[in-house]
């Protein structure tokens, strides 16, 4: 297993843990405070925030444009699909075609009514456009 694959699996595992903790908190009646809107315009370039942290932008996503490092933006969120490329039931080429770009229209065109797909996709979530890069 490559380092990238290991990181992607750890990221997916972390997403599952977060989802489980969120469900437990909701069951206990906890409501999180509203989040600030930090989404960066798709036309903005990669710029560090005041702490010098690189942000998730389409320019950064564009640097991860291969099967070996596949990031895509869907509906304002950024996903690392590297570990999913070879597992995708529709074939690797369908995932590779959205590496490094905003894949929203391609994703929604193919999976508009498939709720199960969103749960799988969300396990690869890096963050929203505008969030600090991992």
N, C-alpha and C. Protein backbone atom coordinates (compact mmCIF):
# COMPACT_ATOMS: atom_id res chain seq x y z
N UNK A 1 0.85 -1.16 0.00
CA UNK A 1 0.00 0.00 0.00
C UNK A 1 0.90 1.23 0.00
N UNK A 2 0.58 2.18 -0.89
CA UNK A 2 1.37 3.40 -0.96
C UNK A 2 0.98 4.34 0.17
N UNK A 3 1.81 5.33 0.39
CA UNK A 3 1.54 6.31 1.44
C UNK A 3 0.24 7.06 1.14
N UNK A 4 0.03 7.39 -0.14
CA UNK A 4 -1.20 8.09 -0.54
C UNK A 4 -2.42 7.25 -0.24
N UNK A 5 -2.35 5.96 -0.55
CA UNK A 5 -3.49 5.08 -0.29
C UNK A 5 -3.74 4.96 1.22
N UNK A 6 -2.66 4.86 1.99
CA UNK A 6 -2.80 4.76 3.44
C UNK A 6 -3.44 6.04 4.00
N UNK A 7 -2.99 7.18 3.51
CA UNK A 7 -3.56 8.46 3.96
C UNK A 7 -5.03 8.56 3.58
N UNK A 8 -5.37 8.11 2.38
CA UNK A 8 -6.76 8.16 1.93
C UNK A 8 -7.63 7.26 2.80
N UNK A 9 -7.12 6.08 3.15
CA UNK A 9 -7.89 5.17 4.00
C UNK A 9 -8.05 5.74 5.41
N UNK A 10 -6.98 6.36 5.92
CA UNK A 10 -7.08 7.00 7.23
C UNK A 10 -8.09 8.14 7.19
N UNK A 11 -8.06 8.90 6.11
CA UNK A 11 -9.01 9.99 5.96
C UNK A 11 -10.44 9.47 5.93
N UNK A 12 -10.65 8.38 5.20
CA UNK A 12 -11.99 7.77 5.13
C UNK A 12 -12.43 7.27 6.50
N UNK A 13 -11.50 6.65 7.22
CA UNK A 13 -11.81 6.14 8.55
C UNK A 13 -12.17 7.31 9.48
N UNK A 14 -11.42 8.38 9.39
CA UNK A 14 -11.71 9.56 10.20
C UNK A 14 -13.09 10.12 9.90
N UNK A 15 -13.47 10.11 8.61
CA UNK A 15 -14.80 10.59 8.23
C UNK A 15 -15.89 9.72 8.85
N UNK A 16 -15.67 8.42 8.87
CA UNK A 16 -16.65 7.50 9.46
C UNK A 16 -16.80 7.78 10.95
N UNK A 17 -15.67 8.00 11.64
CA UNK A 17 -15.70 8.29 13.07
C UNK A 17 -16.47 9.59 13.32
N UNK A 18 -16.20 10.61 12.51
CA UNK A 18 -16.89 11.88 12.67
C UNK A 18 -18.40 11.70 12.47
N UNK A 19 -18.76 10.94 11.44
CA UNK A 19 -20.19 10.70 11.20
C UNK A 19 -20.83 9.98 12.37
N UNK A 20 -20.14 8.99 12.94
CA UNK A 20 -20.68 8.24 14.07
C UNK A 20 -20.84 9.14 15.29
N UNK A 21 -19.83 9.96 15.56
CA UNK A 21 -19.92 10.88 16.70
C UNK A 21 -21.02 11.91 16.50
N UNK A 22 -21.18 12.37 15.27
CA UNK A 22 -22.24 13.33 14.97
C UNK A 22 -23.60 12.71 15.23
N UNK A 23 -23.78 11.47 14.79
CA UNK A 23 -25.05 10.78 15.01
C UNK A 23 -25.33 10.60 16.50
N UNK A 24 -24.31 10.24 17.26
CA UNK A 24 -24.47 10.07 18.71
C UNK A 24 -24.85 11.40 19.37
N UNK A 25 -24.21 12.47 18.95
CA UNK A 25 -24.49 13.79 19.53
C UNK A 25 -25.92 14.21 19.20
N UNK A 26 -26.35 13.93 17.97
CA UNK A 26 -27.71 14.29 17.59
C UNK A 26 -28.72 13.47 18.38
N UNK A 27 -28.43 12.18 18.59
CA UNK A 27 -29.31 11.33 19.38
C UNK A 27 -29.42 11.84 20.82
N UNK A 28 -28.34 12.45 21.31
CA UNK A 28 -28.34 12.96 22.68
C UNK A 28 -28.97 14.35 22.77
N UNK A 29 -29.39 14.90 21.62
CA UNK A 29 -30.05 16.20 21.62
C UNK A 29 -29.12 17.38 21.45
N UNK A 30 -27.84 17.15 21.21
CA UNK A 30 -26.88 18.24 21.04
C UNK A 30 -27.07 18.89 19.67
N UNK A 31 -27.08 20.21 19.65
CA UNK A 31 -27.13 20.93 18.39
C UNK A 31 -25.88 21.80 18.30
N UNK A 32 -25.13 21.61 17.23
CA UNK A 32 -23.91 22.39 17.04
C UNK A 32 -24.26 23.83 16.72
N UNK A 33 -23.40 24.76 17.15
CA UNK A 33 -23.64 26.16 16.80
C UNK A 33 -23.50 26.34 15.30
N UNK A 34 -24.17 27.33 14.72
CA UNK A 34 -24.06 27.53 13.27
C UNK A 34 -22.62 27.85 12.88
N UNK A 35 -22.21 27.28 11.74
CA UNK A 35 -20.85 27.52 11.24
C UNK A 35 -20.82 28.81 10.44
N UNK A 36 -19.65 29.42 10.43
CA UNK A 36 -19.46 30.60 9.60
C UNK A 36 -19.36 30.16 8.15
N UNK A 37 -19.81 31.00 7.25
CA UNK A 37 -19.72 30.71 5.82
C UNK A 37 -18.31 31.07 5.36
N UNK A 38 -17.49 30.06 5.06
CA UNK A 38 -16.10 30.30 4.68
C UNK A 38 -15.80 29.87 3.26
N UNK A 39 -16.82 29.61 2.45
CA UNK A 39 -16.58 29.13 1.10
C UNK A 39 -15.95 30.24 0.27
N UNK A 40 -14.90 29.87 -0.45
CA UNK A 40 -14.17 30.80 -1.29
C UNK A 40 -14.74 30.73 -2.70
N UNK A 41 -14.85 31.85 -3.34
CA UNK A 41 -15.33 31.88 -4.72
C UNK A 41 -14.47 30.97 -5.59
N UNK A 42 -15.10 30.29 -6.54
CA UNK A 42 -14.37 29.36 -7.40
C UNK A 42 -13.35 30.08 -8.26
N UNK A 43 -13.49 31.38 -8.44
CA UNK A 43 -12.56 32.12 -9.28
C UNK A 43 -11.31 32.56 -8.51
N UNK A 44 -11.33 32.45 -7.18
CA UNK A 44 -10.18 32.87 -6.39
C UNK A 44 -9.04 31.86 -6.52
N UNK A 45 -7.83 32.35 -6.40
CA UNK A 45 -6.67 31.47 -6.48
C UNK A 45 -6.32 30.94 -5.09
N UNK A 46 -5.33 30.06 -5.04
CA UNK A 46 -4.87 29.54 -3.75
C UNK A 46 -4.13 30.65 -3.03
N UNK A 47 -4.63 31.01 -1.89
CA UNK A 47 -3.96 32.03 -1.09
C UNK A 47 -3.93 31.55 0.34
N UNK A 48 -2.82 31.78 1.02
CA UNK A 48 -2.79 31.39 2.42
C UNK A 48 -3.67 32.32 3.25
N UNK A 49 -4.22 31.78 4.33
CA UNK A 49 -4.97 32.64 5.25
C UNK A 49 -3.97 33.41 6.10
N UNK A 50 -4.46 34.14 7.08
CA UNK A 50 -3.59 34.99 7.89
C UNK A 50 -2.52 34.19 8.62
N UNK A 51 -2.76 32.89 8.87
CA UNK A 51 -1.77 32.06 9.54
C UNK A 51 -0.82 31.39 8.55
N UNK A 52 -0.99 31.67 7.24
CA UNK A 52 -0.14 31.08 6.23
C UNK A 52 -0.59 29.69 5.80
N UNK A 53 -1.80 29.29 6.16
CA UNK A 53 -2.32 27.97 5.82
C UNK A 53 -2.89 27.99 4.41
N UNK A 54 -2.54 27.00 3.61
CA UNK A 54 -3.08 26.90 2.27
C UNK A 54 -4.55 26.48 2.35
N UNK A 55 -5.40 27.09 1.52
CA UNK A 55 -6.82 26.81 1.55
C UNK A 55 -7.23 25.89 0.41
N UNK A 56 -8.31 25.15 0.62
CA UNK A 56 -8.86 24.30 -0.43
C UNK A 56 -9.55 25.19 -1.46
N UNK A 57 -8.97 25.29 -2.63
CA UNK A 57 -9.54 26.07 -3.73
C UNK A 57 -9.48 25.21 -4.98
N UNK A 58 -10.17 25.66 -6.03
CA UNK A 58 -10.12 24.91 -7.28
C UNK A 58 -8.71 24.89 -7.86
N UNK A 59 -7.93 25.94 -7.59
CA UNK A 59 -6.55 25.95 -8.08
C UNK A 59 -5.74 24.83 -7.40
N UNK A 60 -5.95 24.63 -6.10
CA UNK A 60 -5.27 23.54 -5.40
C UNK A 60 -5.79 22.19 -5.88
N UNK A 61 -7.11 22.08 -6.05
CA UNK A 61 -7.70 20.84 -6.56
C UNK A 61 -7.07 20.48 -7.91
N UNK A 62 -6.83 21.48 -8.74
CA UNK A 62 -6.28 21.25 -10.08
C UNK A 62 -4.89 20.62 -10.04
N UNK A 63 -4.18 20.73 -8.93
CA UNK A 63 -2.85 20.12 -8.83
C UNK A 63 -2.94 18.62 -8.52
N UNK A 64 -4.12 18.14 -8.21
CA UNK A 64 -4.35 16.72 -7.90
C UNK A 64 -5.22 16.13 -9.01
N UNK A 65 -4.61 15.98 -10.19
CA UNK A 65 -5.37 15.67 -11.40
C UNK A 65 -5.02 14.34 -12.05
N UNK A 66 -4.68 13.36 -11.23
CA UNK A 66 -4.31 12.05 -11.79
C UNK A 66 -4.84 10.94 -10.89
N UNK A 67 -4.75 9.72 -11.37
CA UNK A 67 -5.18 8.57 -10.58
C UNK A 67 -4.33 8.42 -9.32
N UNK A 68 -3.10 8.89 -9.37
CA UNK A 68 -2.20 8.78 -8.22
C UNK A 68 -2.51 9.80 -7.14
N UNK A 69 -3.16 10.89 -7.50
CA UNK A 69 -3.58 11.92 -6.55
C UNK A 69 -4.80 12.61 -7.17
N UNK A 70 -5.97 12.13 -6.78
CA UNK A 70 -7.22 12.55 -7.42
C UNK A 70 -8.12 13.29 -6.46
N UNK A 71 -8.13 14.63 -6.58
CA UNK A 71 -9.06 15.45 -5.82
C UNK A 71 -10.08 16.02 -6.78
N UNK A 72 -11.29 16.20 -6.32
CA UNK A 72 -12.33 16.84 -7.12
C UNK A 72 -13.22 17.66 -6.20
N UNK A 73 -13.86 18.67 -6.78
CA UNK A 73 -14.84 19.47 -6.05
C UNK A 73 -16.23 19.06 -6.53
N UNK A 74 -17.14 18.84 -5.58
CA UNK A 74 -18.54 18.52 -5.91
C UNK A 74 -19.42 19.32 -4.96
N UNK A 75 -20.29 20.11 -5.54
CA UNK A 75 -21.24 20.91 -4.76
C UNK A 75 -20.58 21.71 -3.64
N UNK A 76 -19.42 22.32 -3.94
CA UNK A 76 -18.76 23.18 -2.97
C UNK A 76 -17.88 22.49 -1.95
N UNK A 77 -17.74 21.17 -2.06
CA UNK A 77 -16.86 20.42 -1.15
C UNK A 77 -15.76 19.75 -1.96
N UNK A 78 -14.64 19.49 -1.30
CA UNK A 78 -13.48 18.87 -1.95
C UNK A 78 -13.30 17.45 -1.43
N UNK A 79 -13.08 16.53 -2.35
CA UNK A 79 -12.94 15.11 -2.02
C UNK A 79 -11.64 14.56 -2.57
N UNK A 80 -10.98 13.70 -1.79
CA UNK A 80 -9.79 12.98 -2.26
C UNK A 80 -10.26 11.59 -2.67
N UNK A 81 -10.41 11.38 -3.97
CA UNK A 81 -10.94 10.12 -4.49
C UNK A 81 -9.84 9.14 -4.90
N UNK A 82 -8.61 9.41 -4.51
CA UNK A 82 -7.48 8.57 -4.92
C UNK A 82 -7.72 7.09 -4.62
N UNK A 83 -8.16 6.79 -3.43
CA UNK A 83 -8.38 5.39 -3.04
C UNK A 83 -9.60 4.79 -3.74
N UNK A 84 -10.47 5.62 -4.28
CA UNK A 84 -11.71 5.15 -4.90
C UNK A 84 -11.54 4.88 -6.40
N UNK A 85 -10.48 5.43 -7.01
CA UNK A 85 -10.29 5.32 -8.46
C UNK A 85 -10.44 3.87 -8.92
N UNK A 86 -9.69 2.96 -8.33
CA UNK A 86 -9.71 1.56 -8.78
C UNK A 86 -10.87 0.76 -8.21
N UNK A 87 -11.65 1.34 -7.31
CA UNK A 87 -12.78 0.62 -6.72
C UNK A 87 -14.12 1.02 -7.34
N UNK A 88 -14.16 2.08 -8.11
CA UNK A 88 -15.42 2.60 -8.64
C UNK A 88 -16.09 1.56 -9.54
N UNK A 89 -17.34 1.21 -9.24
CA UNK A 89 -18.05 0.19 -10.02
C UNK A 89 -18.18 0.54 -11.51
N UNK A 90 -18.20 1.82 -11.83
CA UNK A 90 -18.32 2.25 -13.23
C UNK A 90 -16.99 2.31 -13.96
N UNK A 91 -15.91 1.97 -13.28
CA UNK A 91 -14.58 1.99 -13.90
C UNK A 91 -13.77 3.20 -13.48
N UNK A 92 -12.46 2.99 -13.47
CA UNK A 92 -11.53 4.03 -13.05
C UNK A 92 -11.62 5.28 -13.92
N UNK A 93 -11.87 5.12 -15.21
CA UNK A 93 -11.86 6.26 -16.12
C UNK A 93 -12.93 7.29 -15.76
N UNK A 94 -14.05 6.84 -15.19
CA UNK A 94 -15.09 7.78 -14.79
C UNK A 94 -14.64 8.67 -13.64
N UNK A 95 -13.82 8.15 -12.76
CA UNK A 95 -13.30 8.96 -11.66
C UNK A 95 -12.14 9.82 -12.15
N UNK A 96 -11.23 9.23 -12.91
CA UNK A 96 -10.07 9.98 -13.41
C UNK A 96 -10.52 11.20 -14.22
N UNK A 97 -11.66 11.08 -14.90
CA UNK A 97 -12.15 12.21 -15.72
C UNK A 97 -12.53 13.43 -14.90
N UNK A 98 -12.75 13.27 -13.59
CA UNK A 98 -13.09 14.42 -12.75
C UNK A 98 -11.96 14.81 -11.78
N UNK A 99 -10.82 14.15 -11.89
CA UNK A 99 -9.67 14.50 -11.05
C UNK A 99 -9.17 15.89 -11.42
N UNK A 100 -8.99 16.74 -10.42
CA UNK A 100 -8.40 18.05 -10.64
C UNK A 100 -9.38 19.12 -11.10
N UNK A 101 -10.67 18.82 -11.13
CA UNK A 101 -11.65 19.79 -11.62
C UNK A 101 -12.88 19.83 -10.70
N UNK A 102 -13.78 20.75 -11.00
CA UNK A 102 -15.08 20.74 -10.34
C UNK A 102 -15.90 19.68 -11.07
N UNK A 103 -16.12 18.56 -10.40
CA UNK A 103 -16.83 17.44 -11.00
C UNK A 103 -18.32 17.43 -10.70
N UNK A 104 -18.87 18.55 -10.25
CA UNK A 104 -20.27 18.61 -9.84
C UNK A 104 -21.22 18.15 -10.93
N UNK A 105 -21.10 18.71 -12.13
CA UNK A 105 -22.07 18.37 -13.18
C UNK A 105 -21.95 16.91 -13.59
N UNK A 106 -20.73 16.39 -13.70
CA UNK A 106 -20.55 14.98 -14.07
C UNK A 106 -21.10 14.06 -12.98
N UNK A 107 -20.82 14.39 -11.73
CA UNK A 107 -21.32 13.58 -10.62
C UNK A 107 -22.84 13.60 -10.57
N UNK A 108 -23.42 14.78 -10.63
CA UNK A 108 -24.88 14.89 -10.53
C UNK A 108 -25.59 14.28 -11.74
N UNK A 109 -24.97 14.37 -12.90
CA UNK A 109 -25.55 13.78 -14.10
C UNK A 109 -25.63 12.25 -13.95
N UNK A 110 -24.61 11.66 -13.37
CA UNK A 110 -24.56 10.20 -13.23
C UNK A 110 -25.30 9.70 -11.99
N UNK A 111 -25.25 10.47 -10.91
CA UNK A 111 -25.74 9.97 -9.62
C UNK A 111 -26.84 10.82 -9.00
N UNK A 112 -27.62 11.50 -9.81
CA UNK A 112 -28.62 12.44 -9.30
C UNK A 112 -29.60 11.82 -8.31
N UNK A 113 -29.97 10.57 -8.51
CA UNK A 113 -30.99 9.97 -7.64
C UNK A 113 -30.46 8.83 -6.79
N UNK A 114 -29.16 8.73 -6.64
CA UNK A 114 -28.57 7.61 -5.90
C UNK A 114 -28.07 8.06 -4.54
N UNK A 115 -28.91 7.97 -3.50
CA UNK A 115 -28.55 8.40 -2.16
C UNK A 115 -27.38 7.64 -1.57
N UNK A 116 -27.26 6.35 -1.87
CA UNK A 116 -26.17 5.53 -1.35
C UNK A 116 -24.81 6.05 -1.81
N UNK A 117 -24.77 6.60 -3.01
CA UNK A 117 -23.53 7.12 -3.57
C UNK A 117 -23.00 8.27 -2.72
N UNK A 118 -23.88 9.11 -2.22
CA UNK A 118 -23.44 10.26 -1.42
C UNK A 118 -22.74 9.82 -0.14
N UNK A 119 -23.21 8.74 0.48
CA UNK A 119 -22.56 8.26 1.70
C UNK A 119 -21.14 7.80 1.40
N UNK A 120 -20.96 7.12 0.27
CA UNK A 120 -19.61 6.69 -0.12
C UNK A 120 -18.76 7.90 -0.44
N UNK A 121 -19.31 8.83 -1.23
CA UNK A 121 -18.56 10.04 -1.60
C UNK A 121 -18.13 10.80 -0.35
N UNK A 122 -19.03 10.94 0.60
CA UNK A 122 -18.73 11.73 1.80
C UNK A 122 -17.63 11.12 2.65
N UNK A 123 -17.37 9.83 2.49
CA UNK A 123 -16.28 9.20 3.25
C UNK A 123 -14.91 9.68 2.77
N UNK A 124 -14.87 10.37 1.62
CA UNK A 124 -13.61 10.87 1.07
C UNK A 124 -13.49 12.39 1.21
N UNK A 125 -14.35 13.00 2.00
CA UNK A 125 -14.39 14.45 2.15
C UNK A 125 -13.12 14.99 2.79
N UNK A 126 -12.55 16.01 2.13
CA UNK A 126 -11.40 16.75 2.70
C UNK A 126 -11.89 18.00 3.40
N UNK A 127 -12.90 18.65 2.84
CA UNK A 127 -13.44 19.87 3.41
C UNK A 127 -14.15 20.68 2.36
N UNK A 128 -14.63 21.83 2.75
CA UNK A 128 -15.31 22.73 1.83
C UNK A 128 -14.30 23.61 1.12
N UNK A 129 -14.68 24.07 -0.07
CA UNK A 129 -13.84 25.07 -0.72
C UNK A 129 -13.69 26.23 0.24
N UNK A 130 -12.47 26.67 0.47
CA UNK A 130 -12.19 27.75 1.40
C UNK A 130 -11.67 27.30 2.75
N UNK A 131 -11.84 26.00 3.07
CA UNK A 131 -11.30 25.46 4.33
C UNK A 131 -9.78 25.30 4.22
N UNK A 132 -9.06 25.24 5.33
CA UNK A 132 -7.62 24.96 5.29
C UNK A 132 -7.37 23.59 4.68
N UNK A 133 -6.34 23.49 3.84
CA UNK A 133 -5.97 22.23 3.21
C UNK A 133 -5.40 21.28 4.26
N UNK A 134 -5.65 19.97 4.08
CA UNK A 134 -5.12 18.99 5.05
C UNK A 134 -3.61 18.87 4.96
